Amino acid sequence: PIPSHPHNLLNLHLSLLILLSPPRHKMSRSILLVIVVLAAITGAVAYPSDGPALKVTTAGLVLLGIGAVWATKFLVRAGLFTSVEVSEREFPGFRLAYKTHTSQYKECGQHFHAACELAKGKDCDNYSTVGVYFDNPEAVEVGKTRYAVGISIPKDSSSLEEAFKAKGYQFVDLPRTPAIYTTFPFTSMLSIFIAIMRVYPKMGEYEKKTGKCAYPYMEVCKMGVPKTEYYGMLDNHKTYMMGLTPVGEYAKANPPASKKTA
């Protein structure tokens, strides 16, 4: 029987409402997952009025089961159990509107948001968000890593280019280039954290195995497609560095603290 305690009933109703209401934003899935799990845990406990003792309820176990299923589905979609297969593929090339930044890579989110906001309502329905990461964070001083964030745009759209130029964006035509390549799901913010832990180590292993040197690395996410494509460039390095100081030279000038004290 469903317990009559109002805390349990409230958690039951809240959990069912959340589970039956599809989230409208990627970030909301992560938030809803936490809410469901907390509601399920607290809903699993009865609060008897005749003493401090707690006991597990049938409805609470049902909530925990529903939460576990929902959480498992969420984690599967986020890529927790996705295998990472690295191969070689030609990067297709495109025109990129971009801004370069120097800070920790984890601070790039705000720049992606700004680029996407600028692209909204303009003639780039099939655009891709693009992140280009120039430096190995283990070889450069904290906060000195360089990256570019931008949007792929059609080459024949002068009005769109003017809109980006007015906001300080630069432009580069990236050529077709051989690259190491893989893909990974992008269904929520959790996908990003999983990818950092799983994708880049695999691509690094491929470099060591094949003896190839890939840089810079690029992440491409096409609007409406729930995956990210990862490229490590094997040629045309000067073009892909977008006028910045070469990687090796920059690392020597900005070594991490451990090398400074050695």
C-alpha atoms as a PDB file:
ATOM      1  CA  PRO A   1       0.000   0.000   0.000  1.00  0.00           C
ATOM      2  CA  ILE A   2       1.099   3.591  -0.651  1.00  0.00           C
ATOM      3  CA  PRO A   3       2.020   5.225   2.650  1.00  0.00           C
ATOM      4  CA  SER A   4      -0.167   8.074   3.839  1.00  0.00           C
ATOM      5  CA  HIS A   5       2.662  10.267   5.099  1.00  0.00           C
ATOM      6  CA  PRO A   6       2.586  13.532   3.083  1.00  0.00           C
ATOM      7  CA  HIS A   7       6.363  13.461   2.465  1.00  0.00           C
ATOM      8  CA  ASN A   8       6.092  10.121   0.692  1.00  0.00           C
ATOM      9  CA  LEU A   9       3.045  11.163  -1.351  1.00  0.00           C
ATOM     10  CA  LEU A  10       4.701  14.420  -2.343  1.00  0.00           C
ATOM     11  CA  ASN A  11       7.852  12.636  -3.474  1.00  0.00           C
ATOM     12  CA  LEU A  12       5.813  10.074  -5.405  1.00  0.00           C
ATOM     13  CA  HIS A  13       3.852  12.779  -7.229  1.00  0.00           C
ATOM     14  CA  LEU A  14       6.968  14.850  -7.842  1.00  0.00           C
ATOM     15  CA  SER A  15       8.919  11.917  -9.258  1.00  0.00           C
ATOM     16  CA  LEU A  16       6.103  10.840 -11.562  1.00  0.00           C
ATOM     17  CA  LEU A  17       5.642  14.417 -12.773  1.00  0.00           C
ATOM     18  CA  ILE A  18       9.356  14.743 -13.552  1.00  0.00           C
ATOM     19  CA  LEU A  19       9.584  11.392 -15.284  1.00  0.00           C
ATOM     20  CA  LEU A  20       6.542  12.089 -17.446  1.00  0.00           C
ATOM     21  CA  SER A  21       7.629  15.613 -18.401  1.00  0.00           C
ATOM     22  CA  PRO A  22      10.363  15.659 -21.073  1.00  0.00           C
ATOM     23  CA  PRO A  23      13.103  18.199 -20.322  1.00  0.00           C
ATOM     24  CA  ARG A  24      13.440  21.121 -22.693  1.00  0.00           C
ATOM     25  CA  HIS A  25      17.156  21.773 -22.263  1.00  0.00           C
ATOM     26  CA  LYS A  26      20.232  19.551 -22.056  1.00  0.00           C
ATOM     27  CA  MET A  27      21.255  20.989 -18.702  1.00  0.00           C
ATOM     28  CA  SER A  28      17.788  20.274 -17.265  1.00  0.00           C
ATOM     29  CA  ARG A  29      18.297  16.521 -17.699  1.00  0.00           C
ATOM     30  CA  SER A  30      21.174  16.590 -15.236  1.00  0.00           C
ATOM     31  CA  ILE A  31      19.175  18.677 -12.776  1.00  0.00           C
ATOM     32  CA  LEU A  32      16.104  16.467 -13.092  1.00  0.00           C
ATOM     33  CA  LEU A  33      18.186  13.348 -12.537  1.00  0.00           C
ATOM     34  CA  VAL A  34      19.429  14.703  -9.207  1.00  0.00           C
ATOM     35  CA  ILE A  35      15.892  15.703  -8.190  1.00  0.00           C
ATOM     36  CA  VAL A  36      14.468  12.288  -9.057  1.00  0.00           C
ATOM     37  CA  VAL A  37      17.154  10.423  -7.136  1.00  0.00           C
ATOM     38  CA  LEU A  38      16.760  12.647  -4.060  1.00  0.00           C
ATOM     39  CA  ALA A  39      12.988  12.354  -4.214  1.00  0.00           C
ATOM     40  CA  ALA A  40      13.246   8.588  -4.530  1.00  0.00           C
ATOM     41  CA  ILE A  41      15.634   8.273  -1.587  1.00  0.00           C
ATOM     42  CA  THR A  42      13.539  10.464   0.721  1.00  0.00           C
ATOM     43  CA  GLY A  43      10.356   8.848  -0.552  1.00  0.00           C
ATOM     44  CA  ALA A  44      11.691   5.425   0.385  1.00  0.00           C
ATOM     45  CA  VAL A  45      11.556   6.321   4.056  1.00  0.00           C
ATOM     46  CA  ALA A  46       8.437   6.431   6.220  1.00  0.00           C
ATOM     47  CA  TYR A  47       8.237   8.862   9.117  1.00  0.00           C
ATOM     48  CA  PRO A  48       6.150   7.175  11.860  1.00  0.00           C
ATOM     49  CA  SER A  49       4.578   9.504  14.387  1.00  0.00           C
ATOM     50  CA  ASP A  50       5.181   7.199  17.358  1.00  0.00           C
ATOM     51  CA  GLY A  51       8.968   7.347  17.394  1.00  0.00           C
ATOM     52  CA  PRO A  52      12.169   8.328  15.642  1.00  0.00           C
ATOM     53  CA  ALA A  53      12.620   4.981  13.905  1.00  0.00           C
ATOM     54  CA  LEU A  54      12.532   4.993  10.104  1.00  0.00           C
ATOM     55  CA  LYS A  55      11.480   2.207   7.792  1.00  0.00           C
ATOM     56  CA  VAL A  56      11.584   1.523   4.088  1.00  0.00           C
ATOM     57  CA  THR A  57       8.218   1.635   2.312  1.00  0.00           C
ATOM     58  CA  THR A  58       6.943  -0.234  -0.728  1.00  0.00           C
ATOM     59  CA  ALA A  59       6.229   2.998  -2.572  1.00  0.00           C
ATOM     60  CA  GLY A  60       9.725   4.169  -1.740  1.00  0.00           C
ATOM     61  CA  LEU A  61      11.227   1.041  -3.267  1.00  0.00           C
ATOM     62  CA  VAL A  62       9.125   1.598  -6.380  1.00  0.00           C
ATOM     63  CA  LEU A  63      10.444   5.147  -6.605  1.00  0.00           C
ATOM     64  CA  LEU A  64      14.009   3.920  -6.195  1.00  0.00           C
ATOM     65  CA  GLY A  65      13.439   1.388  -8.969  1.00  0.00           C
ATOM     66  CA  ILE A  66      11.994   4.010 -11.301  1.00  0.00           C
ATOM     67  CA  GLY A  67      14.823   6.376 -10.461  1.00  0.00           C
ATOM     68  CA  ALA A  68      17.427   3.667 -11.103  1.00  0.00           C
ATOM     69  CA  VAL A  69      15.943   2.845 -14.516  1.00  0.00           C
ATOM     70  CA  TRP A  70      15.713   6.499 -15.450  1.00  0.00           C
ATOM     71  CA  ALA A  71      19.262   7.179 -14.233  1.00  0.00           C
ATOM     72  CA  THR A  72      20.627   4.179 -16.173  1.00  0.00           C
ATOM     73  CA  LYS A  73      18.934   5.379 -19.365  1.00  0.00           C
ATOM     74  CA  PHE A  74      20.339   8.866 -18.781  1.00  0.00           C
ATOM     75  CA  LEU A  75      23.876   7.536 -18.261  1.00  0.00           C
ATOM     76  CA  VAL A  76      23.673   5.313 -21.349  1.00  0.00           C
ATOM     77  CA  ARG A  77      22.553   8.249 -23.497  1.00  0.00           C
ATOM     78  CA  ALA A  78      25.293  10.424 -22.014  1.00  0.00           C
ATOM     79  CA  GLY A  79      27.897   7.926 -23.250  1.00  0.00           C
ATOM     80  CA  LEU A  80      29.077   6.289 -20.032  1.00  0.00           C
ATOM     81  CA  PHE A  81      29.094   2.847 -21.689  1.00  0.00           C
ATOM     82  CA  THR A  82      29.952   3.965 -25.231  1.00  0.00           C
ATOM     83  CA  SER A  83      33.153   2.500 -26.653  1.00  0.00           C
ATOM     84  CA  VAL A  84      35.645   4.967 -28.127  1.00  0.00           C
ATOM     85  CA  GLU A  85      37.044   3.846 -31.479  1.00  0.00           C
ATOM     86  CA  VAL A  86      39.795   6.040 -32.941  1.00  0.00           C
ATOM     87  CA  SER A  87      40.625   5.944 -36.646  1.00  0.00           C
ATOM     88  CA  GLU A  88      41.870   8.287 -39.367  1.00  0.00           C
ATOM     89  CA  ARG A  89      39.604  10.397 -41.541  1.00  0.00           C
ATOM     90  CA  GLU A  90      39.848  13.511 -43.651  1.00  0.00           C
ATOM     91  CA  PHE A  91      38.565  16.609 -41.954  1.00  0.00           C
ATOM     92  CA  PRO A  92      36.097  18.098 -44.495  1.00  0.00           C
ATOM     93  CA  GLY A  93      37.112  21.744 -44.070  1.00  0.00           C
ATOM     94  CA  PHE A  94      34.848  24.803 -43.747  1.00  0.00           C
ATOM     95  CA  ARG A  95      34.879  28.545 -43.129  1.00  0.00           C
ATOM     96  CA  LEU A  96      35.065  29.342 -39.442  1.00  0.00           C
ATOM     97  CA  ALA A  97      34.021  32.496 -37.610  1.00  0.00           C
ATOM     98  CA  TYR A  98      35.974  32.412 -34.366  1.00  0.00           C
ATOM     99  CA  LYS A  99      37.494  34.189 -31.403  1.00  0.00           C
ATOM    100  CA  THR A 100      40.656  33.030 -29.657  1.00  0.00           C
ATOM    101  CA  HIS A 101      40.946  32.952 -25.869  1.00  0.00           C
ATOM    102  CA  THR A 102      43.618  32.213 -23.272  1.00  0.00           C
ATOM    103  CA  SER A 103      42.408  30.622 -20.044  1.00  0.00           C
ATOM    104  CA  GLN A 104      41.673  27.172 -18.641  1.00  0.00           C
ATOM    105  CA  TYR A 105      39.720  25.016 -21.060  1.00  0.00           C
ATOM    106  CA  LYS A 106      36.943  24.579 -18.515  1.00  0.00           C
ATOM    107  CA  GLU A 107      36.083  28.266 -18.956  1.00  0.00           C
ATOM    108  CA  CYS A 108      35.196  27.907 -22.643  1.00  0.00           C
ATOM    109  CA  GLY A 109      31.474  27.288 -22.056  1.00  0.00           C
ATOM    110  CA  GLN A 110      30.560  30.971 -21.889  1.00  0.00           C
ATOM    111  CA  HIS A 111      32.192  31.556 -25.281  1.00  0.00           C
ATOM    112  CA  PHE A 112      30.215  28.718 -26.877  1.00  0.00           C
ATOM    113  CA  HIS A 113      27.048  30.249 -25.456  1.00  0.00           C
ATOM    114  CA  ALA A 114      27.910  33.658 -26.907  1.00  0.00           C
ATOM    115  CA  ALA A 115      28.602  32.183 -30.358  1.00  0.00           C
ATOM    116  CA  CYS A 116      25.346  30.207 -30.379  1.00  0.00           C
ATOM    117  CA  GLU A 117      23.345  33.262 -29.305  1.00  0.00           C
ATOM    118  CA  LEU A 118      24.835  35.232 -32.163  1.00  0.00           C
ATOM    119  CA  ALA A 119      23.978  32.502 -34.670  1.00  0.00           C
ATOM    120  CA  LYS A 120      20.322  32.322 -33.610  1.00  0.00           C
ATOM    121  CA  GLY A 121      17.872  33.710 -36.134  1.00  0.00           C
ATOM    122  CA  LYS A 122      20.510  34.064 -38.835  1.00  0.00           C
ATOM    123  CA  ASP A 123      21.067  32.175 -42.057  1.00  0.00           C
ATOM    124  CA  CYS A 124      22.995  29.291 -40.518  1.00  0.00           C
ATOM    125  CA  ASP A 125      20.378  26.709 -39.545  1.00  0.00           C
ATOM    126  CA  ASN A 126      22.829  23.891 -40.241  1.00  0.00           C
ATOM    127  CA  TYR A 127      25.772  25.454 -38.446  1.00  0.00           C
ATOM    128  CA  SER A 128      28.206  23.612 -36.220  1.00  0.00           C
ATOM    129  CA  THR A 129      29.755  24.860 -33.014  1.00  0.00           C
ATOM    130  CA  VAL A 130      33.512  24.461 -33.147  1.00  0.00           C
ATOM    131  CA  GLY A 131      36.153  24.378 -30.438  1.00  0.00           C
ATOM    132  CA  VAL A 132      39.848  24.312 -31.366  1.00  0.00           C
ATOM    133  CA  TYR A 133      42.274  23.452 -28.547  1.00  0.00           C
ATOM    134  CA  PHE A 134      45.878  24.375 -29.282  1.00  0.00           C
ATOM    135  CA  ASP A 135      47.878  23.437 -26.172  1.00  0.00           C
ATOM    136  CA  ASN A 136      48.415  20.376 -24.015  1.00  0.00           C
ATOM    137  CA  PRO A 137      47.255  21.544 -20.540  1.00  0.00           C
ATOM    138  CA  GLU A 138      49.888  19.322 -18.928  1.00  0.00           C
ATOM    139  CA  ALA A 139      52.676  21.123 -20.817  1.00  0.00           C
ATOM    140  CA  VAL A 140      51.551  24.719 -20.269  1.00  0.00           C
ATOM    141  CA  GLU A 141      51.117  26.922 -17.221  1.00  0.00           C
ATOM    142  CA  VAL A 142      47.637  26.791 -15.678  1.00  0.00           C
ATOM    143  CA  GLY A 143      45.437  29.444 -17.211  1.00  0.00           C
ATOM    144  CA  LYS A 144      47.697  29.884 -20.253  1.00  0.00           C
ATOM    145  CA  THR A 145      46.111  27.306 -22.547  1.00  0.00           C
ATOM    146  CA  ARG A 146      44.884  28.753 -25.846  1.00  0.00           C
ATOM    147  CA  TYR A 147      41.714  27.847 -27.689  1.00  0.00           C
ATOM    148  CA  ALA A 148      39.330  29.173 -30.311  1.00  0.00           C
ATOM    149  CA  VAL A 149      35.541  28.999 -30.190  1.00  0.00           C
ATOM    150  CA  GLY A 150      33.286  29.710 -33.113  1.00  0.00           C
ATOM    151  CA  ILE A 151      30.684  28.747 -35.672  1.00  0.00           C
ATOM    152  CA  SER A 152      31.044  27.216 -39.125  1.00  0.00           C
ATOM    153  CA  ILE A 153      29.448  29.540 -41.675  1.00  0.00           C
ATOM    154  CA  PRO A 154      28.661  29.380 -45.417  1.00  0.00           C
ATOM    155  CA  LYS A 155      31.372  30.913 -47.583  1.00  0.00           C
ATOM    156  CA  ASP A 156      28.874  32.923 -49.629  1.00  0.00           C
ATOM    157  CA  SER A 157      27.006  34.643 -46.780  1.00  0.00           C
ATOM    158  CA  SER A 158      28.348  38.205 -46.603  1.00  0.00           C
ATOM    159  CA  SER A 159      25.527  39.443 -44.334  1.00  0.00           C
ATOM    160  CA  LEU A 160      26.184  36.676 -41.825  1.00  0.00           C
ATOM    161  CA  GLU A 161      29.895  37.372 -41.904  1.00  0.00           C
ATOM    162  CA  GLU A 162      29.266  41.064 -41.260  1.00  0.00           C
ATOM    163  CA  ALA A 163      27.169  40.186 -38.199  1.00  0.00           C
ATOM    164  CA  PHE A 164      30.007  38.129 -36.727  1.00  0.00           C
ATOM    165  CA  LYS A 165      32.635  40.684 -37.683  1.00  0.00           C
ATOM    166  CA  ALA A 166      30.693  43.370 -35.816  1.00  0.00           C
ATOM    167  CA  LYS A 167      31.110  41.290 -32.647  1.00  0.00           C
ATOM    168  CA  GLY A 168      34.861  40.940 -33.059  1.00  0.00           C
ATOM    169  CA  TYR A 169      35.018  37.530 -34.742  1.00  0.00           C
ATOM    170  CA  GLN A 170      37.807  36.622 -37.162  1.00  0.00           C
ATOM    171  CA  PHE A 171      37.533  34.271 -40.130  1.00  0.00           C
ATOM    172  CA  VAL A 172      39.602  31.457 -41.549  1.00  0.00           C
ATOM    173  CA  ASP A 173      39.064  28.932 -44.342  1.00  0.00           C
ATOM    174  CA  LEU A 174      40.117  25.583 -42.914  1.00  0.00           C
ATOM    175  CA  PRO A 175      41.243  23.169 -45.664  1.00  0.00           C
ATOM    176  CA  ARG A 176      40.561  19.472 -46.001  1.00  0.00           C
ATOM    177  CA  THR A 177      43.136  17.761 -43.822  1.00  0.00           C
ATOM    178  CA  PRO A 178      44.006  14.204 -42.730  1.00  0.00           C
ATOM    179  CA  ALA A 179      43.234  13.728 -39.050  1.00  0.00           C
ATOM    180  CA  ILE A 180      42.762  11.181 -36.318  1.00  0.00           C
ATOM    181  CA  TYR A 181      39.067  10.972 -35.587  1.00  0.00           C
ATOM    182  CA  THR A 182      36.361   9.685 -33.291  1.00  0.00           C
ATOM    183  CA  THR A 183      32.842  10.557 -32.191  1.00  0.00           C
ATOM    184  CA  PHE A 184      31.093  10.565 -28.827  1.00  0.00           C
ATOM    185  CA  PRO A 185      27.504  11.233 -27.689  1.00  0.00           C
ATOM    186  CA  PHE A 186      26.522  14.745 -26.643  1.00  0.00           C
ATOM    187  CA  THR A 187      23.135  14.570 -24.955  1.00  0.00           C
ATOM    188  CA  SER A 188      23.828  16.517 -21.753  1.00  0.00           C
ATOM    189  CA  MET A 189      26.555  18.305 -19.844  1.00  0.00           C
ATOM    190  CA  LEU A 190      27.513  14.939 -18.376  1.00  0.00           C
ATOM    191  CA  SER A 191      28.559  13.824 -21.874  1.00  0.00           C
ATOM    192  CA  ILE A 192      31.245  16.503 -21.866  1.00  0.00           C
ATOM    193  CA  PHE A 193      32.791  15.326 -18.600  1.00  0.00           C
ATOM    194  CA  ILE A 194      32.725  11.686 -19.708  1.00  0.00           C
ATOM    195  CA  ALA A 195      34.315  12.610 -23.036  1.00  0.00           C
ATOM    196  CA  ILE A 196      37.153  14.474 -21.325  1.00  0.00           C
ATOM    197  CA  MET A 197      37.966  11.363 -19.296  1.00  0.00           C
ATOM    198  CA  ARG A 198      37.582   8.857 -22.134  1.00  0.00           C
ATOM    199  CA  VAL A 199      37.976  10.414 -25.584  1.00  0.00           C
ATOM    200  CA  TYR A 200      41.234  12.326 -25.267  1.00  0.00           C
ATOM    201  CA  PRO A 201      43.153   9.515 -23.521  1.00  0.00           C
ATOM    202  CA  LYS A 202      42.112   7.178 -26.361  1.00  0.00           C
ATOM    203  CA  MET A 203      43.244   9.646 -29.009  1.00  0.00           C
ATOM    204  CA  GLY A 204      46.529  10.070 -27.151  1.00  0.00           C
ATOM    205  CA  GLU A 205      46.994   6.302 -27.125  1.00  0.00           C
ATOM    206  CA  TYR A 206      46.417   6.229 -30.879  1.00  0.00           C
ATOM    207  CA  GLU A 207      49.101   8.871 -31.391  1.00  0.00           C
ATOM    208  CA  LYS A 208      51.626   6.860 -29.369  1.00  0.00           C
ATOM    209  CA  LYS A 209      50.683   3.607 -31.103  1.00  0.00           C
ATOM    210  CA  THR A 210      51.039   5.027 -34.608  1.00  0.00           C
ATOM    211  CA  GLY A 211      53.887   7.453 -33.874  1.00  0.00           C
ATOM    212  CA  LYS A 212      51.877  10.341 -35.283  1.00  0.00           C
ATOM    213  CA  CYS A 213      51.672  13.852 -33.889  1.00  0.00           C
ATOM    214  CA  ALA A 214      48.219  15.412 -34.003  1.00  0.00           C
ATOM    215  CA  TYR A 215      47.514  19.060 -33.210  1.00  0.00           C
ATOM    216  CA  PRO A 216      45.550  21.118 -32.674  1.00  0.00           C
ATOM    217  CA  TYR A 217      42.492  19.185 -31.560  1.00  0.00           C
ATOM    218  CA  MET A 218      39.052  20.189 -32.694  1.00  0.00           C
ATOM    219  CA  GLU A 219      35.532  19.429 -31.476  1.00  0.00           C
ATOM    220  CA  VAL A 220      32.676  19.869 -33.950  1.00  0.00           C
ATOM    221  CA  CYS A 221      29.039  19.587 -32.915  1.00  0.00           C
ATOM    222  CA  LYS A 222      26.407  20.080 -35.613  1.00  0.00           C
ATOM    223  CA  MET A 223      23.199  21.756 -34.491  1.00  0.00           C
ATOM    224  CA  GLY A 224      20.501  19.179 -33.721  1.00  0.00           C
ATOM    225  CA  VAL A 225      22.831  16.161 -33.865  1.00  0.00           C
ATOM    226  CA  PRO A 226      23.409  14.520 -30.444  1.00  0.00           C
ATOM    227  CA  LYS A 227      27.093  13.771 -30.916  1.00  0.00           C
ATOM    228  CA  THR A 228      30.454  15.516 -31.059  1.00  0.00           C
ATOM    229  CA  GLU A 229      33.108  14.806 -33.683  1.00  0.00           C
ATOM    230  CA  TYR A 230      36.721  14.937 -32.498  1.00  0.00           C
ATOM    231  CA  TYR A 231      39.632  15.625 -34.843  1.00  0.00           C
ATOM    232  CA  GLY A 232      43.381  15.736 -34.241  1.00  0.00           C
ATOM    233  CA  MET A 233      45.007  17.430 -37.234  1.00  0.00           C
ATOM    234  CA  LEU A 234      47.874  15.576 -38.918  1.00  0.00           C
ATOM    235  CA  ASP A 235      48.785  18.223 -41.504  1.00  0.00           C
ATOM    236  CA  ASN A 236      48.376  21.926 -42.339  1.00  0.00           C
ATOM    237  CA  HIS A 237      49.418  22.752 -38.797  1.00  0.00           C
ATOM    238  CA  LYS A 238      50.391  26.329 -39.594  1.00  0.00           C
ATOM    239  CA  THR A 239      46.917  27.099 -40.977  1.00  0.00           C
ATOM    240  CA  TYR A 240      45.162  25.426 -38.079  1.00  0.00           C
ATOM    241  CA  MET A 241      47.216  27.386 -35.529  1.00  0.00           C
ATOM    242  CA  MET A 242      45.426  30.494 -36.879  1.00  0.00           C
ATOM    243  CA  GLY A 243      48.430  32.767 -36.593  1.00  0.00           C
ATOM    244  CA  LEU A 244      49.290  31.828 -33.001  1.00  0.00           C
ATOM    245  CA  THR A 245      52.765  30.987 -31.703  1.00  0.00           C
ATOM    246  CA  PRO A 246      53.698  27.353 -32.504  1.00  0.00           C
ATOM    247  CA  VAL A 247      52.827  24.855 -29.780  1.00  0.00           C
ATOM    248  CA  GLY A 248      56.394  23.854 -28.836  1.00  0.00           C
ATOM    249  CA  GLU A 249      57.685  27.414 -28.685  1.00  0.00           C
ATOM    250  CA  TYR A 250      54.696  28.547 -26.627  1.00  0.00           C
ATOM    251  CA  ALA A 251      55.112  25.665 -24.149  1.00  0.00           C
ATOM    252  CA  LYS A 252      58.766  26.563 -23.579  1.00  0.00           C
ATOM    253  CA  ALA A 253      57.817  30.152 -22.824  1.00  0.00           C
ATOM    254  CA  ASN A 254      54.931  29.160 -20.523  1.00  0.00           C
ATOM    255  CA  PRO A 255      55.951  25.975 -18.707  1.00  0.00           C
ATOM    256  CA  PRO A 256      53.800  24.513 -15.918  1.00  0.00           C
ATOM    257  CA  ALA A 257      54.743  25.307 -12.320  1.00  0.00           C
ATOM    258  CA  SER A 258      56.290  21.850 -11.832  1.00  0.00           C
ATOM    259  CA  LYS A 259      58.901  22.546 -14.522  1.00  0.00           C
ATOM    260  CA  LYS A 260      59.589  26.053 -13.250  1.00  0.00           C
ATOM    261  CA  THR A 261      60.576  24.727  -9.810  1.00  0.00           C
ATOM    262  CA  ALA A 262      62.504  21.724 -11.132  1.00  0.00           C
END
